[in-house]
Amino acid sequence: AFQGENMPKLLYVGKTRPAASAHPRIMHSHEDFLEMVLI
């Protein structure tokens, strides 16, 4: 499904350990890429 003009680029990968909930990544958006989060 990814060919031609559809050539995604990886920007970063993040890992949040449960204890980090005390320091949340709060209200934000990304204007020039998409983000996926796995709980």
PDB file of all heavy atoms in Angstrom:
ATOM      1  N   ALA A   1       0.826  -1.209   0.000  1.00  0.00           N
ATOM      2  CA  ALA A   1       0.000   0.000   0.000  1.00  0.00           C
ATOM      3  C   ALA A   1       0.858   1.256   0.000  1.00  0.00           C
ATOM      4  O   ALA A   1       0.360   2.348  -0.236  1.00  0.00           O
ATOM      5  CB  ALA A   1      -0.914  -0.001   1.230  1.00  0.00           C
ATOM      6  N   PHE A   2       2.155   1.080   0.221  1.00  0.00           N
ATOM      7  CA  PHE A   2       3.053   2.225   0.370  1.00  0.00           C
ATOM      8  C   PHE A   2       4.061   2.245  -0.772  1.00  0.00           C
ATOM      9  O   PHE A   2       5.105   1.588  -0.719  1.00  0.00           O
ATOM     10  CB  PHE A   2       3.740   2.172   1.733  1.00  0.00           C
ATOM     11  CG  PHE A   2       2.759   2.101   2.865  1.00  0.00           C
ATOM     12  CD1 PHE A   2       2.454   0.883   3.463  1.00  0.00           C
ATOM     13  CD2 PHE A   2       2.101   3.239   3.287  1.00  0.00           C
ATOM     14  CE1 PHE A   2       1.531   0.814   4.495  1.00  0.00           C
ATOM     15  CE2 PHE A   2       1.172   3.177   4.312  1.00  0.00           C
ATOM     16  CZ  PHE A   2       0.883   1.965   4.916  1.00  0.00           C
ATOM     17  N   GLN A   3       3.715   2.985  -1.801  1.00  0.00           N
ATOM     18  CA  GLN A   3       4.564   3.101  -2.972  1.00  0.00           C
ATOM     19  C   GLN A   3       4.175   4.366  -3.727  1.00  0.00           C
ATOM     20  O   GLN A   3       3.185   5.019  -3.400  1.00  0.00           O
ATOM     21  CB  GLN A   3       4.425   1.871  -3.874  1.00  0.00           C
ATOM     22  CG  GLN A   3       3.002   1.558  -4.288  1.00  0.00           C
ATOM     23  CD  GLN A   3       2.899   0.259  -5.064  1.00  0.00           C
ATOM     24  OE1 GLN A   3       3.799  -0.099  -5.808  1.00  0.00           O
ATOM     25  NE2 GLN A   3       1.795  -0.457  -4.893  1.00  0.00           N
ATOM     26  N   GLY A   4       4.944   4.731  -4.729  1.00  0.00           N
ATOM     27  CA  GLY A   4       4.655   5.948  -5.477  1.00  0.00           C
ATOM     28  C   GLY A   4       4.805   7.186  -4.614  1.00  0.00           C
ATOM     29  O   GLY A   4       5.848   7.406  -3.989  1.00  0.00           O
ATOM     30  N   GLU A   5       3.747   8.003  -4.529  1.00  0.00           N
ATOM     31  CA  GLU A   5       3.775   9.210  -3.708  1.00  0.00           C
ATOM     32  C   GLU A   5       3.569   8.907  -2.232  1.00  0.00           C
ATOM     33  O   GLU A   5       3.784   9.764  -1.385  1.00  0.00           O
ATOM     34  CB  GLU A   5       2.701  10.190  -4.178  1.00  0.00           C
ATOM     35  CG  GLU A   5       2.939  10.749  -5.581  1.00  0.00           C
ATOM     36  CD  GLU A   5       1.894  11.767  -5.960  1.00  0.00           C
ATOM     37  OE1 GLU A   5       0.972  12.010  -5.152  1.00  0.00           O
ATOM     38  OE2 GLU A   5       1.999  12.326  -7.064  1.00  0.00           O
ATOM     39  N   ASN A   6       3.137   7.696  -1.945  1.00  0.00           N
ATOM     40  CA  ASN A   6       2.861   7.318  -0.556  1.00  0.00           C
ATOM     41  C   ASN A   6       4.081   6.627   0.038  1.00  0.00           C
ATOM     42  O   ASN A   6       4.158   5.406   0.114  1.00  0.00           O
ATOM     43  CB  ASN A   6       1.644   6.382  -0.498  1.00  0.00           C
ATOM     44  CG  ASN A   6       1.168   6.135   0.921  1.00  0.00           C
ATOM     45  OD1 ASN A   6       1.568   6.832   1.846  1.00  0.00           O
ATOM     46  ND2 ASN A   6       0.312   5.151   1.078  1.00  0.00           N
ATOM     47  N   MET A   7       5.061   7.423   0.454  1.00  0.00           N
ATOM     48  CA  MET A   7       6.311   6.902   1.013  1.00  0.00           C
ATOM     49  C   MET A   7       6.513   7.468   2.410  1.00  0.00           C
ATOM     50  O   MET A   7       7.118   8.531   2.589  1.00  0.00           O
ATOM     51  CB  MET A   7       7.483   7.277   0.107  1.00  0.00           C
ATOM     52  CG  MET A   7       7.384   6.682  -1.302  1.00  0.00           C
ATOM     53  SD  MET A   7       7.473   4.873  -1.301  1.00  0.00           S
ATOM     54  CE  MET A   7       9.173   4.628  -0.831  1.00  0.00           C
ATOM     55  N   PRO A   8       5.976   6.804   3.437  1.00  0.00           N
ATOM     56  CA  PRO A   8       6.065   7.325   4.799  1.00  0.00           C
ATOM     57  C   PRO A   8       7.513   7.431   5.291  1.00  0.00           C
ATOM     58  O   PRO A   8       8.399   6.695   4.844  1.00  0.00           O
ATOM     59  CB  PRO A   8       5.297   6.277   5.621  1.00  0.00           C
ATOM     60  CG  PRO A   8       4.460   5.554   4.633  1.00  0.00           C
ATOM     61  CD  PRO A   8       5.232   5.548   3.356  1.00  0.00           C
ATOM     62  N   LYS A   9       7.723   8.336   6.235  1.00  0.00           N
ATOM     63  CA  LYS A   9       9.034   8.520   6.847  1.00  0.00           C
ATOM     64  C   LYS A   9       8.893   8.451   8.363  1.00  0.00           C
ATOM     65  O   LYS A   9       8.077   9.156   8.953  1.00  0.00           O
ATOM     66  CB  LYS A   9       9.638   9.864   6.448  1.00  0.00           C
ATOM     67  CG  LYS A   9      11.017  10.108   7.052  1.00  0.00           C
ATOM     68  CD  LYS A   9      11.588  11.455   6.642  1.00  0.00           C
ATOM     69  CE  LYS A   9      12.965  11.670   7.281  1.00  0.00           C
ATOM     70  NZ  LYS A   9      13.527  13.010   6.912  1.00  0.00           N
ATOM     71  N   LEU A  10       9.704   7.608   8.989  1.00  0.00           N
ATOM     72  CA  LEU A  10       9.700   7.474  10.436  1.00  0.00           C
ATOM     73  C   LEU A  10      10.395   8.676  11.069  1.00  0.00           C
ATOM     74  O   LEU A  10      11.505   9.044  10.683  1.00  0.00           O
ATOM     75  CB  LEU A  10      10.412   6.177  10.850  1.00  0.00           C
ATOM     76  CG  LEU A  10      10.561   5.929  12.345  1.00  0.00           C
ATOM     77  CD1 LEU A  10       9.206   5.758  13.004  1.00  0.00           C
ATOM     78  CD2 LEU A  10      11.439   4.698  12.589  1.00  0.00           C
ATOM     79  N   LEU A  11       9.743   9.287  12.073  1.00  0.00           N
ATOM     80  CA  LEU A  11      10.300  10.465  12.737  1.00  0.00           C
ATOM     81  C   LEU A  11      10.806  10.158  14.142  1.00  0.00           C
ATOM     82  O   LEU A  11      11.885  10.578  14.525  1.00  0.00           O
ATOM     83  CB  LEU A  11       9.255  11.583  12.793  1.00  0.00           C
ATOM     84  CG  LEU A  11       8.709  12.027  11.430  1.00  0.00           C
ATOM     85  CD1 LEU A  11       7.645  13.100  11.612  1.00  0.00           C
ATOM     86  CD2 LEU A  11       9.831  12.541  10.541  1.00  0.00           C
ATOM     87  N   TYR A  12      10.014   9.456  14.925  1.00  0.00           N
ATOM     88  CA  TYR A  12      10.480   9.045  16.253  1.00  0.00           C
ATOM     89  C   TYR A  12       9.609   7.908  16.783  1.00  0.00           C
ATOM     90  O   TYR A  12       8.515   7.660  16.298  1.00  0.00           O
ATOM     91  CB  TYR A  12      10.504  10.211  17.246  1.00  0.00           C
ATOM     92  CG  TYR A  12       9.166  10.854  17.566  1.00  0.00           C
ATOM     93  CD1 TYR A  12       8.195  10.215  18.344  1.00  0.00           C
ATOM     94  CD2 TYR A  12       8.882  12.135  17.116  1.00  0.00           C
ATOM     95  CE1 TYR A  12       7.004  10.824  18.646  1.00  0.00           C
ATOM     96  CE2 TYR A  12       7.693  12.758  17.412  1.00  0.00           C
ATOM     97  CZ  TYR A  12       6.753  12.096  18.179  1.00  0.00           C
ATOM     98  OH  TYR A  12       5.554  12.704  18.470  1.00  0.00           O
ATOM     99  N   VAL A  13      10.146   7.228  17.776  1.00  0.00           N
ATOM    100  CA  VAL A  13       9.409   6.198  18.506  1.00  0.00           C
ATOM    101  C   VAL A  13       9.553   6.510  19.983  1.00  0.00           C
ATOM    102  O   VAL A  13      10.654   6.820  20.453  1.00  0.00           O
ATOM    103  CB  VAL A  13       9.956   4.784  18.207  1.00  0.00           C
ATOM    104  CG1 VAL A  13       9.148   3.735  18.973  1.00  0.00           C
ATOM    105  CG2 VAL A  13       9.929   4.490  16.725  1.00  0.00           C
ATOM    106  N   GLY A  14       8.465   6.467  20.725  1.00  0.00           N
ATOM    107  CA  GLY A  14       8.500   6.788  22.145  1.00  0.00           C
ATOM    108  C   GLY A  14       8.013   5.639  22.997  1.00  0.00           C
ATOM    109  O   GLY A  14       7.228   4.796  22.552  1.00  0.00           O
ATOM    110  N   LYS A  15       8.510   5.596  24.209  1.00  0.00           N
ATOM    111  CA  LYS A  15       8.081   4.580  25.174  1.00  0.00           C
ATOM    112  C   LYS A  15       7.771   5.259  26.498  1.00  0.00           C
ATOM    113  O   LYS A  15       8.602   6.003  27.022  1.00  0.00           O
ATOM    114  CB  LYS A  15       9.183   3.523  25.373  1.00  0.00           C
ATOM    115  CG  LYS A  15       8.791   2.386  26.312  1.00  0.00           C
ATOM    116  CD  LYS A  15       9.892   1.332  26.369  1.00  0.00           C
ATOM    117  CE  LYS A  15       9.511   0.142  27.217  1.00  0.00           C
ATOM    118  NZ  LYS A  15      10.563  -0.913  27.209  1.00  0.00           N
ATOM    119  N   THR A  16       6.582   5.037  27.012  1.00  0.00           N
ATOM    120  CA  THR A  16       6.157   5.627  28.270  1.00  0.00           C
ATOM    121  C   THR A  16       5.928   4.525  29.291  1.00  0.00           C
ATOM    122  O   THR A  16       5.036   3.685  29.110  1.00  0.00           O
ATOM    123  CB  THR A  16       4.853   6.429  28.091  1.00  0.00           C
ATOM    124  OG1 THR A  16       5.054   7.435  27.103  1.00  0.00           O
ATOM    125  CG2 THR A  16       4.451   7.089  29.397  1.00  0.00           C
ATOM    126  N   ARG A  17       6.741   4.510  30.318  1.00  0.00           N
ATOM    127  CA  ARG A  17       6.530   3.551  31.401  1.00  0.00           C
ATOM    128  C   ARG A  17       5.418   4.051  32.314  1.00  0.00           C
ATOM    129  O   ARG A  17       5.199   5.260  32.418  1.00  0.00           O
ATOM    130  CB  ARG A  17       7.837   3.340  32.158  1.00  0.00           C
ATOM    131  CG  ARG A  17       8.912   2.701  31.276  1.00  0.00           C
ATOM    132  CD  ARG A  17      10.264   2.602  31.962  1.00  0.00           C
ATOM    133  NE  ARG A  17      11.234   1.957  31.071  1.00  0.00           N
ATOM    134  CZ  ARG A  17      11.936   2.587  30.149  1.00  0.00           C
ATOM    135  NH1 ARG A  17      11.794   3.901  29.995  1.00  0.00           N
ATOM    136  NH2 ARG A  17      12.776   1.933  29.375  1.00  0.00           N
ATOM    137  N   PRO A  18       4.703   3.140  32.988  1.00  0.00           N
ATOM    138  CA  PRO A  18       3.534   3.555  33.776  1.00  0.00           C
ATOM    139  C   PRO A  18       3.815   4.676  34.766  1.00  0.00           C
ATOM    140  O   PRO A  18       2.973   5.560  34.961  1.00  0.00           O
ATOM    141  CB  PRO A  18       3.137   2.257  34.493  1.00  0.00           C
ATOM    142  CG  PRO A  18       3.562   1.175  33.552  1.00  0.00           C
ATOM    143  CD  PRO A  18       4.850   1.665  32.941  1.00  0.00           C
ATOM    144  N   ALA A  19       4.993   4.682  35.389  1.00  0.00           N
ATOM    145  CA  ALA A  19       5.293   5.711  36.388  1.00  0.00           C
ATOM    146  C   ALA A  19       5.325   7.111  35.780  1.00  0.00           C
ATOM    147  O   ALA A  19       5.193   8.106  36.493  1.00  0.00           O
ATOM    148  CB  ALA A  19       6.634   5.413  37.056  1.00  0.00           C
ATOM    149  N   ALA A  20       5.489   7.206  34.474  1.00  0.00           N
ATOM    150  CA  ALA A  20       5.560   8.519  33.815  1.00  0.00           C
ATOM    151  C   ALA A  20       4.213   9.213  33.766  1.00  0.00           C
ATOM    152  O   ALA A  20       4.131  10.373  33.366  1.00  0.00           O
ATOM    153  CB  ALA A  20       6.120   8.369  32.411  1.00  0.00           C
ATOM    154  N   SER A  21       3.132   8.535  34.171  1.00  0.00           N
ATOM    155  CA  SER A  21       1.829   9.180  34.195  1.00  0.00           C
ATOM    156  C   SER A  21       1.818  10.381  35.127  1.00  0.00           C
ATOM    157  O   SER A  21       0.969  11.262  34.999  1.00  0.00           O
ATOM    158  CB  SER A  21       0.751   8.173  34.632  1.00  0.00           C
ATOM    159  OG  SER A  21       0.659   7.110  33.707  1.00  0.00           O
ATOM    160  N   ALA A  22       2.769  10.418  36.052  1.00  0.00           N
ATOM    161  CA  ALA A  22       2.886  11.581  36.935  1.00  0.00           C
ATOM    162  C   ALA A  22       3.424  12.795  36.197  1.00  0.00           C
ATOM    163  O   ALA A  22       3.343  13.919  36.696  1.00  0.00           O
ATOM    164  CB  ALA A  22       3.793  11.242  38.124  1.00  0.00           C
ATOM    165  N   HIS A  23       3.996  12.581  35.011  1.00  0.00           N
ATOM    166  CA  HIS A  23       4.557  13.671  34.199  1.00  0.00           C
ATOM    167  C   HIS A  23       3.981  13.566  32.792  1.00  0.00           C
ATOM    168  O   HIS A  23       4.660  13.151  31.857  1.00  0.00           O
ATOM    169  CB  HIS A  23       6.080  13.591  34.171  1.00  0.00           C
ATOM    170  CG  HIS A  23       6.691  13.478  35.529  1.00  0.00           C
ATOM    171  ND1 HIS A  23       6.733  14.515  36.418  1.00  0.00           N
ATOM    172  CD2 HIS A  23       7.286  12.429  36.154  1.00  0.00           C
ATOM    173  CE1 HIS A  23       7.324  14.126  37.536  1.00  0.00           C
ATOM    174  NE2 HIS A  23       7.667  12.857  37.394  1.00  0.00           N
ATOM    175  N   PRO A  24       2.701  13.923  32.611  1.00  0.00           N
ATOM    176  CA  PRO A  24       1.996  13.620  31.357  1.00  0.00           C
ATOM    177  C   PRO A  24       2.470  14.451  30.174  1.00  0.00           C
ATOM    178  O   PRO A  24       2.971  15.564  30.310  1.00  0.00           O
ATOM    179  CB  PRO A  24       0.539  13.953  31.702  1.00  0.00           C
ATOM    180  CG  PRO A  24       0.641  15.004  32.760  1.00  0.00           C
ATOM    181  CD  PRO A  24       1.840  14.611  33.576  1.00  0.00           C
ATOM    182  N   ARG A  25       2.296  13.882  28.989  1.00  0.00           N
ATOM    183  CA  ARG A  25       2.444  14.609  27.730  1.00  0.00           C
ATOM    184  C   ARG A  25       1.061  15.158  27.436  1.00  0.00           C
ATOM    185  O   ARG A  25       0.159  14.423  27.039  1.00  0.00           O
ATOM    186  CB  ARG A  25       2.916  13.640  26.645  1.00  0.00           C
ATOM    187  CG  ARG A  25       3.114  14.295  25.286  1.00  0.00           C
ATOM    188  CD  ARG A  25       4.390  15.131  25.263  1.00  0.00           C
ATOM    189  NE  ARG A  25       4.673  15.543  23.892  1.00  0.00           N
ATOM    190  CZ  ARG A  25       4.241  16.687  23.358  1.00  0.00           C
ATOM    191  NH1 ARG A  25       3.526  17.519  24.081  1.00  0.00           N
ATOM    192  NH2 ARG A  25       4.540  16.997  22.115  1.00  0.00           N
ATOM    193  N   ILE A  26       0.862  16.455  27.673  1.00  0.00           N
ATOM    194  CA  ILE A  26      -0.498  16.981  27.698  1.00  0.00           C
ATOM    195  C   ILE A  26      -0.893  17.616  26.372  1.00  0.00           C
ATOM    196  O   ILE A  26      -0.233  17.433  25.361  1.00  0.00           O
ATOM    197  CB  ILE A  26      -0.677  17.949  28.883  1.00  0.00           C
ATOM    198  CG1 ILE A  26       0.236  19.163  28.729  1.00  0.00           C
ATOM    199  CG2 ILE A  26      -0.396  17.239  30.194  1.00  0.00           C
ATOM    200  CD1 ILE A  26      -0.009  20.216  29.790  1.00  0.00           C
ATOM    201  N   MET A  27      -1.960  18.372  26.385  1.00  0.00           N
ATOM    202  CA  MET A  27      -2.661  18.885  25.217  1.00  0.00           C
ATOM    203  C   MET A  27      -1.736  19.362  24.093  1.00  0.00           C
ATOM    204  O   MET A  27      -1.005  20.332  24.243  1.00  0.00           O
ATOM    205  CB  MET A  27      -3.541  20.044  25.661  1.00  0.00           C
ATOM    206  CG  MET A  27      -4.652  20.395  24.722  1.00  0.00           C
ATOM    207  SD  MET A  27      -6.072  19.298  24.933  1.00  0.00           S
ATOM    208  CE  MET A  27      -6.659  19.754  26.564  1.00  0.00           C
ATOM    209  N   HIS A  28      -1.786  18.681  22.941  1.00  0.00           N
ATOM    210  CA  HIS A  28      -0.951  19.077  21.813  1.00  0.00           C
ATOM    211  C   HIS A  28      -1.491  18.454  20.530  1.00  0.00           C
ATOM    212  O   HIS A  28      -2.368  17.592  20.555  1.00  0.00           O
ATOM    213  CB  HIS A  28       0.498  18.630  22.023  1.00  0.00           C
ATOM    214  CG  HIS A  28       0.684  17.146  22.064  1.00  0.00           C
ATOM    215  ND1 HIS A  28       0.252  16.368  23.128  1.00  0.00           N
ATOM    216  CD2 HIS A  28       1.236  16.285  21.180  1.00  0.00           C
ATOM    217  CE1 HIS A  28       0.538  15.105  22.894  1.00  0.00           C
ATOM    218  NE2 HIS A  28       1.135  15.018  21.717  1.00  0.00           N
ATOM    219  N   SER A  29      -0.965  18.915  19.406  1.00  0.00           N
ATOM    220  CA  SER A  29      -1.279  18.326  18.114  1.00  0.00           C
ATOM    221  C   SER A  29      -0.017  18.345  17.266  1.00  0.00           C
ATOM    222  O   SER A  29       0.972  18.987  17.624  1.00  0.00           O
ATOM    223  CB  SER A  29      -2.404  19.094  17.409  1.00  0.00           C
ATOM    224  OG  SER A  29      -1.987  20.414  17.089  1.00  0.00           O
ATOM    225  N   HIS A  30      -0.048  17.640  16.146  1.00  0.00           N
ATOM    226  CA  HIS A  30       1.087  17.603  15.226  1.00  0.00           C
ATOM    227  C   HIS A  30       0.583  18.023  13.852  1.00  0.00           C
ATOM    228  O   HIS A  30      -0.308  17.375  13.292  1.00  0.00           O
ATOM    229  CB  HIS A  30       1.684  16.200  15.169  1.00  0.00           C
ATOM    230  CG  HIS A  30       1.921  15.592  16.523  1.00  0.00           C
ATOM    231  ND1 HIS A  30       2.928  16.004  17.349  1.00  0.00           N
ATOM    232  CD2 HIS A  30       1.249  14.620  17.195  1.00  0.00           C
ATOM    233  CE1 HIS A  30       2.893  15.306  18.475  1.00  0.00           C
ATOM    234  NE2 HIS A  30       1.882  14.457  18.402  1.00  0.00           N
ATOM    235  N   GLU A  31       1.140  19.085  13.313  1.00  0.00           N
ATOM    236  CA  GLU A  31       0.592  19.660  12.092  1.00  0.00           C
ATOM    237  C   GLU A  31       1.106  19.003  10.818  1.00  0.00           C
ATOM    238  O   GLU A  31       0.472  19.101   9.778  1.00  0.00           O
ATOM    239  CB  GLU A  31       0.901  21.166  12.050  1.00  0.00           C
ATOM    240  CG  GLU A  31       0.244  21.943  13.183  1.00  0.00           C
ATOM    241  CD  GLU A  31      -1.257  21.693  13.300  1.00  0.00           C
ATOM    242  OE1 GLU A  31      -1.943  21.677  12.243  1.00  0.00           O
ATOM    243  OE2 GLU A  31      -1.745  21.489  14.420  1.00  0.00           O
ATOM    244  N   ASP A  32       2.270  18.350  10.868  1.00  0.00           N
ATOM    245  CA  ASP A  32       2.843  17.823   9.625  1.00  0.00           C
ATOM    246  C   ASP A  32       3.212  16.346   9.714  1.00  0.00           C
ATOM    247  O   ASP A  32       4.041  15.865   8.957  1.00  0.00           O
ATOM    248  CB  ASP A  32       4.062  18.645   9.209  1.00  0.00           C
ATOM    249  CG  ASP A  32       5.092  18.754  10.323  1.00  0.00           C
ATOM    250  OD1 ASP A  32       4.853  18.204  11.413  1.00  0.00           O
ATOM    251  OD2 ASP A  32       6.134  19.391  10.106  1.00  0.00           O
ATOM    252  N   PHE A  33       2.615  15.615  10.630  1.00  0.00           N
ATOM    253  CA  PHE A  33       2.778  14.161  10.670  1.00  0.00           C
ATOM    254  C   PHE A  33       1.660  13.571  11.517  1.00  0.00           C
ATOM    255  O   PHE A  33       0.950  14.284  12.225  1.00  0.00           O
ATOM    256  CB  PHE A  33       4.154  13.752  11.213  1.00  0.00           C
ATOM    257  CG  PHE A  33       4.460  14.211  12.612  1.00  0.00           C
ATOM    258  CD1 PHE A  33       4.063  13.465  13.721  1.00  0.00           C
ATOM    259  CD2 PHE A  33       5.169  15.385  12.834  1.00  0.00           C
ATOM    260  CE1 PHE A  33       4.365  13.871  15.016  1.00  0.00           C
ATOM    261  CE2 PHE A  33       5.474  15.811  14.114  1.00  0.00           C
ATOM    262  CZ  PHE A  33       5.078  15.054  15.214  1.00  0.00           C
ATOM    263  N   LEU A  34       1.483  12.259  11.417  1.00  0.00           N
ATOM    264  CA  LEU A  34       0.497  11.580  12.255  1.00  0.00           C
ATOM    265  C   LEU A  34       1.218  10.810  13.360  1.00  0.00           C
ATOM    266  O   LEU A  34       2.409  10.502  13.249  1.00  0.00           O
ATOM    267  CB  LEU A  34      -0.404  10.664  11.436  1.00  0.00           C
ATOM    268  CG  LEU A  34       0.170   9.406  10.788  1.00  0.00           C
ATOM    269  CD1 LEU A  34       0.244   8.230  11.751  1.00  0.00           C
ATOM    270  CD2 LEU A  34      -0.685   9.008   9.578  1.00  0.00           C
ATOM    271  N   GLU A  35       0.481  10.497  14.401  1.00  0.00           N
ATOM    272  CA  GLU A  35       1.044   9.763  15.526  1.00  0.00           C
ATOM    273  C   GLU A  35       0.115   8.610  15.878  1.00  0.00           C
ATOM    274  O   GLU A  35      -1.109   8.752  15.815  1.00  0.00           O
ATOM    275  CB  GLU A  35       1.223  10.683  16.732  1.00  0.00           C
ATOM    276  CG  GLU A  35       1.958  10.048  17.897  1.00  0.00           C
ATOM    277  CD  GLU A  35       2.199  11.024  19.035  1.00  0.00           C
ATOM    278  OE1 GLU A  35       1.206  11.571  19.565  1.00  0.00           O
ATOM    279  OE2 GLU A  35       3.361  11.250  19.403  1.00  0.00           O
ATOM    280  N   MET A  36       0.710   7.480  16.223  1.00  0.00           N
ATOM    281  CA  MET A  36      -0.056   6.346  16.728  1.00  0.00           C
ATOM    282  C   MET A  36       0.443   5.992  18.125  1.00  0.00           C
ATOM    283  O   MET A  36       1.646   6.051  18.389  1.00  0.00           O
ATOM    284  CB  MET A  36       0.086   5.138  15.801  1.00  0.00           C
ATOM    285  CG  MET A  36      -0.583   5.319  14.452  1.00  0.00           C
ATOM    286  SD  MET A  36      -0.597   3.808  13.446  1.00  0.00           S
ATOM    287  CE  MET A  36       1.141   3.690  13.004  1.00  0.00           C
ATOM    288  N   VAL A  37      -0.481   5.622  18.994  1.00  0.00           N
ATOM    289  CA  VAL A  37      -0.154   5.267  20.375  1.00  0.00           C
ATOM    290  C   VAL A  37      -0.739   3.893  20.666  1.00  0.00           C
ATOM    291  O   VAL A  37      -1.931   3.655  20.424  1.00  0.00           O
ATOM    292  CB  VAL A  37      -0.714   6.302  21.371  1.00  0.00           C
ATOM    293  CG1 VAL A  37      -0.468   5.858  22.808  1.00  0.00           C
ATOM    294  CG2 VAL A  37      -0.099   7.675  21.130  1.00  0.00           C
ATOM    295  N   LEU A  38       0.090   2.995  21.185  1.00  0.00           N
ATOM    296  CA  LEU A  38      -0.364   1.672  21.618  1.00  0.00           C
ATOM    297  C   LEU A  38      -0.418   1.652  23.138  1.00  0.00           C
ATOM    298  O   LEU A  38       0.598   1.863  23.805  1.00  0.00           O
ATOM    299  CB  LEU A  38       0.585   0.579  21.118  1.00  0.00           C
ATOM    300  CG  LEU A  38       0.205  -0.843  21.540  1.00  0.00           C
ATOM    301  CD1 LEU A  38      -1.062  -1.304  20.825  1.00  0.00           C
ATOM    302  CD2 LEU A  38       1.349  -1.819  21.270  1.00  0.00           C
ATOM    303  N   ILE A  39      -1.595   1.410  23.707  1.00  0.00           N
ATOM    304  CA  ILE A  39      -1.746   1.302  25.159  1.00  0.00           C
ATOM    305  C   ILE A  39      -1.372  -0.128  25.556  1.00  0.00           C
ATOM    306  O   ILE A  39      -2.006  -1.087  25.103  1.00  0.00           O
ATOM    307  CB  ILE A  39      -3.186   1.623  25.602  1.00  0.00           C
ATOM    308  CG1 ILE A  39      -3.635   2.992  25.064  1.00  0.00           C
ATOM    309  CG2 ILE A  39      -3.289   1.579  27.124  1.00  0.00           C
ATOM    310  CD1 ILE A  39      -2.842   4.164  25.562  1.00  0.00           C
TER     311      ILE A  39
END
